[in-house]
Amino acid sequence: MLVKEEWEEAVSMLEKAFEATGRSDRDFGARLQKAQRLLKQSKAKDYPKILGVSRAADAKIIKKAFCSGAKTAHPDKGCSEQKMAALNEA
């Protein structure tokens, strides 16, 4: 499950396995914590990815990427409002 990035299912299965072992198996505990952390990260928005820039990008590159994205994602240009809203949020 962890390899396929199915975090919710992995957390569910690991919780059941951890409970079945009486919460004593450290391996299941460590894997459960890792799966929970990865699930939380997967739900967080990745703003650099939305803008199409690297995490190390400076303000100038970010502004340029936003302007470029806004031109193509604007609802008046035929794109969805959700995409423009995501761009504005980033």
PDB file of N, CA and C in Angstrom:
ATOM      1  N   MET A   1       0.817  -1.196   0.000  1.00  0.00           N
ATOM      2  CA  MET A   1       0.000   0.000   0.000  1.00  0.00           C
ATOM      3  C   MET A   1       0.864   1.263   0.000  1.00  0.00           C
ATOM      4  N   LEU A   2       1.948   1.236   0.756  1.00  0.00           N
ATOM      5  CA  LEU A   2       2.792   2.423   0.828  1.00  0.00           C
ATOM      6  C   LEU A   2       3.475   2.697  -0.498  1.00  0.00           C
ATOM      7  N   VAL A   3       3.795   1.644  -1.225  1.00  0.00           N
ATOM      8  CA  VAL A   3       4.458   1.814  -2.518  1.00  0.00           C
ATOM      9  C   VAL A   3       3.498   2.428  -3.530  1.00  0.00           C
ATOM     10  N   LYS A   4       2.229   2.037  -3.472  1.00  0.00           N
ATOM     11  CA  LYS A   4       1.226   2.525  -4.420  1.00  0.00           C
ATOM     12  C   LYS A   4       0.648   3.878  -4.014  1.00  0.00           C
ATOM     13  N   GLU A   5       1.075   4.396  -2.876  1.00  0.00           N
ATOM     14  CA  GLU A   5       0.603   5.680  -2.357  1.00  0.00           C
ATOM     15  C   GLU A   5      -0.895   5.685  -2.073  1.00  0.00           C
ATOM     16  N   GLU A   6      -1.401   4.567  -1.566  1.00  0.00           N
ATOM     17  CA  GLU A   6      -2.790   4.469  -1.117  1.00  0.00           C
ATOM     18  C   GLU A   6      -2.766   4.631   0.402  1.00  0.00           C
ATOM     19  N   TRP A   7      -2.580   5.867   0.840  1.00  0.00           N
ATOM     20  CA  TRP A   7      -2.283   6.142   2.241  1.00  0.00           C
ATOM     21  C   TRP A   7      -3.429   5.801   3.174  1.00  0.00           C
ATOM     22  N   GLU A   8      -4.663   6.155   2.825  1.00  0.00           N
ATOM     23  CA  GLU A   8      -5.784   5.914   3.731  1.00  0.00           C
ATOM     24  C   GLU A   8      -5.982   4.428   3.978  1.00  0.00           C
ATOM     25  N   GLU A   9      -5.896   3.639   2.920  1.00  0.00           N
ATOM     26  CA  GLU A   9      -6.048   2.195   3.055  1.00  0.00           C
ATOM     27  C   GLU A   9      -4.883   1.609   3.850  1.00  0.00           C
ATOM     28  N   ALA A  10      -3.686   2.112   3.618  1.00  0.00           N
ATOM     29  CA  ALA A  10      -2.508   1.628   4.341  1.00  0.00           C
ATOM     30  C   ALA A  10      -2.626   1.926   5.831  1.00  0.00           C
ATOM     31  N   VAL A  11      -3.069   3.125   6.175  1.00  0.00           N
ATOM     32  CA  VAL A  11      -3.235   3.492   7.581  1.00  0.00           C
ATOM     33  C   VAL A  11      -4.275   2.596   8.232  1.00  0.00           C
ATOM     34  N   SER A  12      -5.375   2.359   7.543  1.00  0.00           N
ATOM     35  CA  SER A  12      -6.431   1.508   8.079  1.00  0.00           C
ATOM     36  C   SER A  12      -5.926   0.094   8.349  1.00  0.00           C
ATOM     37  N   MET A  13      -5.228  -0.478   7.379  1.00  0.00           N
ATOM     38  CA  MET A  13      -4.729  -1.844   7.537  1.00  0.00           C
ATOM     39  C   MET A  13      -3.661  -1.926   8.634  1.00  0.00           C
ATOM     40  N   LEU A  14      -2.783  -0.944   8.692  1.00  0.00           N
ATOM     41  CA  LEU A  14      -1.739  -0.956   9.717  1.00  0.00           C
ATOM     42  C   LEU A  14      -2.314  -0.755  11.115  1.00  0.00           C
ATOM     43  N   GLU A  15      -3.365   0.056  11.234  1.00  0.00           N
ATOM     44  CA  GLU A  15      -4.010   0.227  12.538  1.00  0.00           C
ATOM     45  C   GLU A  15      -4.602  -1.089  13.015  1.00  0.00           C
ATOM     46  N   LYS A  16      -5.261  -1.819  12.103  1.00  0.00           N
ATOM     47  CA  LYS A  16      -5.836  -3.120  12.465  1.00  0.00           C
ATOM     48  C   LYS A  16      -4.745  -4.102  12.871  1.00  0.00           C
ATOM     49  N   ALA A  17      -3.650  -4.127  12.121  1.00  0.00           N
ATOM     50  CA  ALA A  17      -2.549  -5.039  12.431  1.00  0.00           C
ATOM     51  C   ALA A  17      -1.896  -4.667  13.762  1.00  0.00           C
ATOM     52  N   PHE A  18      -1.746  -3.384  14.013  1.00  0.00           N
ATOM     53  CA  PHE A  18      -1.127  -2.921  15.253  1.00  0.00           C
ATOM     54  C   PHE A  18      -2.000  -3.285  16.449  1.00  0.00           C
ATOM     55  N   GLU A  19      -3.311  -3.134  16.297  1.00  0.00           N
ATOM     56  CA  GLU A  19      -4.239  -3.510  17.367  1.00  0.00           C
ATOM     57  C   GLU A  19      -4.221  -5.021  17.588  1.00  0.00           C
ATOM     58  N   ALA A  20      -4.122  -5.791  16.500  1.00  0.00           N
ATOM     59  CA  ALA A  20      -4.119  -7.257  16.606  1.00  0.00           C
ATOM     60  C   ALA A  20      -2.886  -7.764  17.351  1.00  0.00           C
ATOM     61  N   THR A  21      -1.787  -7.038  17.266  1.00  0.00           N
ATOM     62  CA  THR A  21      -0.568  -7.455  17.970  1.00  0.00           C
ATOM     63  C   THR A  21      -0.550  -6.948  19.405  1.00  0.00           C
ATOM     64  N   GLY A  22      -1.605  -6.312  19.817  1.00  0.00           N
ATOM     65  CA  GLY A  22      -1.670  -5.794  21.182  1.00  0.00           C
ATOM     66  C   GLY A  22      -0.817  -4.560  21.387  1.00  0.00           C
ATOM     67  N   ARG A  23      -0.593  -3.830  20.310  1.00  0.00           N
ATOM     68  CA  ARG A  23       0.187  -2.591  20.326  1.00  0.00           C
ATOM     69  C   ARG A  23       1.616  -2.819  20.824  1.00  0.00           C
ATOM     70  N   SER A  24       2.130  -4.024  20.610  1.00  0.00           N
ATOM     71  CA  SER A  24       3.472  -4.327  21.112  1.00  0.00           C
ATOM     72  C   SER A  24       4.519  -4.457  20.010  1.00  0.00           C
ATOM     73  N   ASP A  25       4.101  -4.582  18.775  1.00  0.00           N
ATOM     74  CA  ASP A  25       5.044  -4.763  17.668  1.00  0.00           C
ATOM     75  C   ASP A  25       5.557  -3.401  17.205  1.00  0.00           C
ATOM     76  N   ARG A  26       6.830  -3.149  17.434  1.00  0.00           N
ATOM     77  CA  ARG A  26       7.413  -1.843  17.090  1.00  0.00           C
ATOM     78  C   ARG A  26       7.458  -1.616  15.585  1.00  0.00           C
ATOM     79  N   ASP A  27       7.616  -2.698  14.822  1.00  0.00           N
ATOM     80  CA  ASP A  27       7.673  -2.566  13.365  1.00  0.00           C
ATOM     81  C   ASP A  27       6.350  -2.016  12.831  1.00  0.00           C
ATOM     82  N   PHE A  28       5.225  -2.577  13.309  1.00  0.00           N
ATOM     83  CA  PHE A  28       3.920  -2.072  12.877  1.00  0.00           C
ATOM     84  C   PHE A  28       3.717  -0.639  13.350  1.00  0.00           C
ATOM     85  N   GLY A  29       4.181  -0.335  14.551  1.00  0.00           N
ATOM     86  CA  GLY A  29       4.054   1.025  15.075  1.00  0.00           C
ATOM     87  C   GLY A  29       4.800   2.034  14.227  1.00  0.00           C
ATOM     88  N   ALA A  30       6.015   1.685  13.836  1.00  0.00           N
ATOM     89  CA  ALA A  30       6.818   2.592  13.009  1.00  0.00           C
ATOM     90  C   ALA A  30       6.198   2.764  11.629  1.00  0.00           C
ATOM     91  N   ARG A  31       5.734   1.668  11.061  1.00  0.00           N
ATOM     92  CA  ARG A  31       5.103   1.754   9.736  1.00  0.00           C
ATOM     93  C   ARG A  31       3.807   2.550   9.795  1.00  0.00           C
ATOM     94  N   LEU A  32       3.052   2.379  10.875  1.00  0.00           N
ATOM     95  CA  LEU A  32       1.807   3.128  11.041  1.00  0.00           C
ATOM     96  C   LEU A  32       2.102   4.623  11.128  1.00  0.00           C
ATOM     97  N   GLN A  33       3.096   5.004  11.895  1.00  0.00           N
ATOM     98  CA  GLN A  33       3.454   6.419  12.010  1.00  0.00           C
ATOM     99  C   GLN A  33       3.890   6.987  10.668  1.00  0.00           C
ATOM    100  N   LYS A  34       4.662   6.214   9.918  1.00  0.00           N
ATOM    101  CA  LYS A  34       5.116   6.671   8.602  1.00  0.00           C
ATOM    102  C   LYS A  34       3.924   6.854   7.665  1.00  0.00           C
ATOM    103  N   ALA A  35       2.997   5.890   7.675  1.00  0.00           N
ATOM    104  CA  ALA A  35       1.822   5.977   6.807  1.00  0.00           C
ATOM    105  C   ALA A  35       0.953   7.171   7.190  1.00  0.00           C
ATOM    106  N   GLN A  36       0.800   7.424   8.486  1.00  0.00           N
ATOM    107  CA  GLN A  36       0.003   8.570   8.931  1.00  0.00           C
ATOM    108  C   GLN A  36       0.654   9.884   8.506  1.00  0.00           C
ATOM    109  N   ARG A  37       1.980   9.961   8.600  1.00  0.00           N
ATOM    110  CA  ARG A  37       2.701  11.165   8.184  1.00  0.00           C
ATOM    111  C   ARG A  37       2.559  11.390   6.679  1.00  0.00           C
ATOM    112  N   LEU A  38       2.686  10.310   5.907  1.00  0.00           N
ATOM    113  CA  LEU A  38       2.571  10.427   4.456  1.00  0.00           C
ATOM    114  C   LEU A  38       1.144  10.777   4.034  1.00  0.00           C
ATOM    115  N   LEU A  39       0.151  10.264   4.765  1.00  0.00           N
ATOM    116  CA  LEU A  39      -1.248  10.614   4.485  1.00  0.00           C
ATOM    117  C   LEU A  39      -1.462  12.105   4.715  1.00  0.00           C
ATOM    118  N   LYS A  40      -0.929  12.623   5.805  1.00  0.00           N
ATOM    119  CA  LYS A  40      -1.070  14.051   6.103  1.00  0.00           C
ATOM    120  C   LYS A  40      -0.396  14.897   5.028  1.00  0.00           C
ATOM    121  N   GLN A  41       0.800  14.478   4.588  1.00  0.00           N
ATOM    122  CA  GLN A  41       1.518  15.208   3.547  1.00  0.00           C
ATOM    123  C   GLN A  41       0.770  15.162   2.223  1.00  0.00           C
ATOM    124  N   SER A  42       0.120  14.038   1.934  1.00  0.00           N
ATOM    125  CA  SER A  42      -0.577  13.911   0.653  1.00  0.00           C
ATOM    126  C   SER A  42      -1.799  14.820   0.582  1.00  0.00           C
ATOM    127  N   LYS A  43      -2.361  15.150   1.744  1.00  0.00           N
ATOM    128  CA  LYS A  43      -3.539  16.020   1.762  1.00  0.00           C
ATOM    129  C   LYS A  43      -3.168  17.500   1.724  1.00  0.00           C
ATOM    130  N   ALA A  44      -1.921  17.808   2.040  1.00  0.00           N
ATOM    131  CA  ALA A  44      -1.459  19.201   1.997  1.00  0.00           C
ATOM    132  C   ALA A  44      -1.256  19.622   0.544  1.00  0.00           C
ATOM    133  N   LYS A  45      -1.504  20.882   0.265  1.00  0.00           N
ATOM    134  CA  LYS A  45      -1.347  21.385  -1.098  1.00  0.00           C
ATOM    135  C   LYS A  45       0.119  21.694  -1.361  1.00  0.00           C
ATOM    136  N   ASP A  46       0.568  21.343  -2.542  1.00  0.00           N
ATOM    137  CA  ASP A  46       1.953  21.567  -2.942  1.00  0.00           C
ATOM    138  C   ASP A  46       1.981  22.782  -3.867  1.00  0.00           C
ATOM    139  N   TYR A  47       2.155  23.969  -3.285  1.00  0.00           N
ATOM    140  CA  TYR A  47       2.076  25.207  -4.048  1.00  0.00           C
ATOM    141  C   TYR A  47       3.132  25.324  -5.142  1.00  0.00           C
ATOM    142  N   PRO A  48       4.371  24.954  -4.896  1.00  0.00           N
ATOM    143  CA  PRO A  48       5.342  25.020  -6.002  1.00  0.00           C
ATOM    144  C   PRO A  48       4.942  24.131  -7.179  1.00  0.00           C
ATOM    145  N   LYS A  49       4.349  22.988  -6.878  1.00  0.00           N
ATOM    146  CA  LYS A  49       3.914  22.089  -7.956  1.00  0.00           C
ATOM    147  C   LYS A  49       2.772  22.726  -8.746  1.00  0.00           C
ATOM    148  N   ILE A  50       1.858  23.395  -8.065  1.00  0.00           N
ATOM    149  CA  ILE A  50       0.739  24.063  -8.738  1.00  0.00           C
ATOM    150  C   ILE A  50       1.264  25.137  -9.687  1.00  0.00           C
ATOM    151  N   LEU A  51       2.277  25.866  -9.228  1.00  0.00           N
ATOM    152  CA  LEU A  51       2.851  26.937 -10.045  1.00  0.00           C
ATOM    153  C   LEU A  51       3.850  26.418 -11.071  1.00  0.00           C
ATOM    154  N   GLY A  52       4.312  25.199 -10.878  1.00  0.00           N
ATOM    155  CA  GLY A  52       5.275  24.625 -11.812  1.00  0.00           C
ATOM    156  C   GLY A  52       6.691  25.135 -11.606  1.00  0.00           C
ATOM    157  N   VAL A  53       7.047  25.427 -10.361  1.00  0.00           N
ATOM    158  CA  VAL A  53       8.396  25.893 -10.037  1.00  0.00           C
ATOM    159  C   VAL A  53       9.014  24.961  -8.996  1.00  0.00           C
ATOM    160  N   SER A  54      10.310  25.099  -8.792  1.00  0.00           N
ATOM    161  CA  SER A  54      10.977  24.292  -7.773  1.00  0.00           C
ATOM    162  C   SER A  54      10.748  24.920  -6.400  1.00  0.00           C
ATOM    163  N   ARG A  55      10.987  24.136  -5.369  1.00  0.00           N
ATOM    164  CA  ARG A  55      10.814  24.638  -4.002  1.00  0.00           C
ATOM    165  C   ARG A  55      11.832  25.729  -3.667  1.00  0.00           C
ATOM    166  N   ALA A  56      12.934  25.756  -4.378  1.00  0.00           N
ATOM    167  CA  ALA A  56      13.991  26.736  -4.118  1.00  0.00           C
ATOM    168  C   ALA A  56      13.839  28.002  -4.963  1.00  0.00           C
ATOM    169  N   ALA A  57      12.723  28.149  -5.658  1.00  0.00           N
ATOM    170  CA  ALA A  57      12.521  29.304  -6.542  1.00  0.00           C
ATOM    171  C   ALA A  57      12.427  30.590  -5.730  1.00  0.00           C
ATOM    172  N   ASP A  58      12.979  31.666  -6.291  1.00  0.00           N
ATOM    173  CA  ASP A  58      12.897  32.954  -5.614  1.00  0.00           C
ATOM    174  C   ASP A  58      11.603  33.672  -6.015  1.00  0.00           C
ATOM    175  N   ALA A  59      11.358  34.822  -5.407  1.00  0.00           N
ATOM    176  CA  ALA A  59      10.110  35.558  -5.613  1.00  0.00           C
ATOM    177  C   ALA A  59       9.895  35.939  -7.072  1.00  0.00           C
ATOM    178  N   LYS A  60      10.952  36.309  -7.764  1.00  0.00           N
ATOM    179  CA  LYS A  60      10.834  36.730  -9.166  1.00  0.00           C
ATOM    180  C   LYS A  60      10.331  35.576 -10.039  1.00  0.00           C
ATOM    181  N   ILE A  61      10.879  34.401  -9.833  1.00  0.00           N
ATOM    182  CA  ILE A  61      10.466  33.229 -10.616  1.00  0.00           C
ATOM    183  C   ILE A  61       9.031  32.842 -10.281  1.00  0.00           C
ATOM    184  N   ILE A  62       8.669  32.940  -9.005  1.00  0.00           N
ATOM    185  CA  ILE A  62       7.306  32.599  -8.583  1.00  0.00           C
ATOM    186  C   ILE A  62       6.301  33.562  -9.208  1.00  0.00           C
ATOM    187  N   LYS A  63       6.606  34.863  -9.195  1.00  0.00           N
ATOM    188  CA  LYS A  63       5.707  35.854  -9.805  1.00  0.00           C
ATOM    189  C   LYS A  63       5.554  35.612 -11.300  1.00  0.00           C
ATOM    190  N   LYS A  64       6.663  35.293 -11.955  1.00  0.00           N
ATOM    191  CA  LYS A  64       6.631  35.027 -13.393  1.00  0.00           C
ATOM    192  C   LYS A  64       5.779  33.790 -13.691  1.00  0.00           C
ATOM    193  N   ALA A  65       5.924  32.751 -12.873  1.00  0.00           N
ATOM    194  CA  ALA A  65       5.144  31.526 -13.058  1.00  0.00           C
ATOM    195  C   ALA A  65       3.661  31.788 -12.821  1.00  0.00           C
ATOM    196  N   PHE A  66       3.345  32.628 -11.810  1.00  0.00           N
ATOM    197  CA  PHE A  66       1.946  32.954 -11.551  1.00  0.00           C
ATOM    198  C   PHE A  66       1.333  33.708 -12.724  1.00  0.00           C
ATOM    199  N   CYS A  67       2.033  34.706 -13.224  1.00  0.00           N
ATOM    200  CA  CYS A  67       1.511  35.493 -14.353  1.00  0.00           C
ATOM    201  C   CYS A  67       1.300  34.617 -15.578  1.00  0.00           C
ATOM    202  N   SER A  68       2.243  33.750 -15.839  1.00  0.00           N
ATOM    203  CA  SER A  68       2.129  32.843 -16.978  1.00  0.00           C
ATOM    204  C   SER A  68       0.947  31.895 -16.796  1.00  0.00           C
ATOM    205  N   GLY A  69       0.810  31.364 -15.591  1.00  0.00           N
ATOM    206  CA  GLY A  69      -0.298  30.455 -15.308  1.00  0.00           C
ATOM    207  C   GLY A  69      -1.638  31.161 -15.341  1.00  0.00           C
ATOM    208  N   ALA A  70      -1.678  32.399 -14.853  1.00  0.00           N
ATOM    209  CA  ALA A  70      -2.926  33.160 -14.835  1.00  0.00           C
ATOM    210  C   ALA A  70      -3.416  33.454 -16.245  1.00  0.00           C
ATOM    211  N   LYS A  71      -2.483  33.674 -17.161  1.00  0.00           N
ATOM    212  CA  LYS A  71      -2.873  33.936 -18.550  1.00  0.00           C
ATOM    213  C   LYS A  71      -3.540  32.724 -19.182  1.00  0.00           C
ATOM    214  N   THR A  72      -3.044  31.544 -18.867  1.00  0.00           N
ATOM    215  CA  THR A  72      -3.601  30.331 -19.483  1.00  0.00           C
ATOM    216  C   THR A  72      -4.779  29.764 -18.702  1.00  0.00           C
ATOM    217  N   ALA A  73      -4.823  29.988 -17.387  1.00  0.00           N
ATOM    218  CA  ALA A  73      -5.867  29.380 -16.562  1.00  0.00           C
ATOM    219  C   ALA A  73      -7.057  30.299 -16.309  1.00  0.00           C
ATOM    220  N   HIS A  74      -7.033  31.498 -16.830  1.00  0.00           N
ATOM    221  CA  HIS A  74      -8.116  32.450 -16.569  1.00  0.00           C
ATOM    222  C   HIS A  74      -9.431  31.924 -17.140  1.00  0.00           C
ATOM    223  N   PRO A  75     -10.524  32.038 -16.372  1.00  0.00           N
ATOM    224  CA  PRO A  75     -11.824  31.551 -16.849  1.00  0.00           C
ATOM    225  C   PRO A  75     -12.284  32.210 -18.153  1.00  0.00           C
ATOM    226  N   ASP A  76     -11.902  33.449 -18.388  1.00  0.00           N
ATOM    227  CA  ASP A  76     -12.272  34.115 -19.636  1.00  0.00           C
ATOM    228  C   ASP A  76     -11.564  33.502 -20.838  1.00  0.00           C
ATOM    229  N   LYS A  77     -10.473  32.799 -20.592  1.00  0.00           N
ATOM    230  CA  LYS A  77      -9.727  32.135 -21.664  1.00  0.00           C
ATOM    231  C   LYS A  77     -10.226  30.713 -21.887  1.00  0.00           C
ATOM    232  N   GLY A  78     -11.262  30.325 -21.160  1.00  0.00           N
ATOM    233  CA  GLY A  78     -11.859  29.012 -21.369  1.00  0.00           C
ATOM    234  C   GLY A  78     -11.409  27.946 -20.392  1.00  0.00           C
ATOM    235  N   CYS A  79     -10.692  28.327 -19.369  1.00  0.00           N
ATOM    236  CA  CYS A  79     -10.237  27.352 -18.379  1.00  0.00           C
ATOM    237  C   CYS A  79     -11.201  27.369 -17.184  1.00  0.00           C
ATOM    238  N   SER A  80     -11.050  26.411 -16.294  1.00  0.00           N
ATOM    239  CA  SER A  80     -11.976  26.295 -15.171  1.00  0.00           C
ATOM    240  C   SER A  80     -11.653  27.299 -14.061  1.00  0.00           C
ATOM    241  N   GLU A  81     -12.685  27.631 -13.314  1.00  0.00           N
ATOM    242  CA  GLU A  81     -12.512  28.548 -12.195  1.00  0.00           C
ATOM    243  C   GLU A  81     -11.716  27.885 -11.076  1.00  0.00           C
ATOM    244  N   GLN A  82     -11.843  26.550 -10.948  1.00  0.00           N
ATOM    245  CA  GLN A  82     -11.117  25.832  -9.904  1.00  0.00           C
ATOM    246  C   GLN A  82      -9.606  25.939 -10.114  1.00  0.00           C
ATOM    247  N   LYS A  83      -9.174  25.829 -11.360  1.00  0.00           N
ATOM    248  CA  LYS A  83      -7.745  25.916 -11.650  1.00  0.00           C
ATOM    249  C   LYS A  83      -7.231  27.315 -11.333  1.00  0.00           C
ATOM    250  N   MET A  84      -8.006  28.328 -11.669  1.00  0.00           N
ATOM    251  CA  MET A  84      -7.601  29.701 -11.382  1.00  0.00           C
ATOM    252  C   MET A  84      -7.593  29.944  -9.874  1.00  0.00           C
ATOM    253  N   ALA A  85      -8.563  29.386  -9.163  1.00  0.00           N
ATOM    254  CA  ALA A  85      -8.608  29.541  -7.710  1.00  0.00           C
ATOM    255  C   ALA A  85      -7.396  28.884  -7.058  1.00  0.00           C
ATOM    256  N   ALA A  86      -7.003  27.711  -7.551  1.00  0.00           N
ATOM    257  CA  ALA A  86      -5.821  27.032  -7.019  1.00  0.00           C
ATOM    258  C   ALA A  86      -4.570  27.859  -7.275  1.00  0.00           C
ATOM    259  N   LEU A  87      -4.488  28.462  -8.433  1.00  0.00           N
ATOM    260  CA  LEU A  87      -3.345  29.305  -8.774  1.00  0.00           C
ATOM    261  C   LEU A  87      -3.303  30.531  -7.871  1.00  0.00           C
ATOM    262  N   ASN A  88      -4.461  31.148  -7.635  1.00  0.00           N
ATOM    263  CA  ASN A  88      -4.525  32.320  -6.759  1.00  0.00           C
ATOM    264  C   ASN A  88      -4.122  31.963  -5.331  1.00  0.00           C
ATOM    265  N   GLU A  89      -4.540  30.785  -4.879  1.00  0.00           N
ATOM    266  CA  GLU A  89      -4.207  30.353  -3.525  1.00  0.00           C
ATOM    267  C   GLU A  89      -2.709  30.117  -3.371  1.00  0.00           C
ATOM    268  N   ALA A  90      -2.103  29.577  -4.435  1.00  0.00           N
ATOM    269  CA  ALA A  90      -0.656  29.302  -4.379  1.00  0.00           C
ATOM    270  C   ALA A  90       0.088  30.610  -4.371  1.00  0.00           C
TER     271      ALA A  90
END
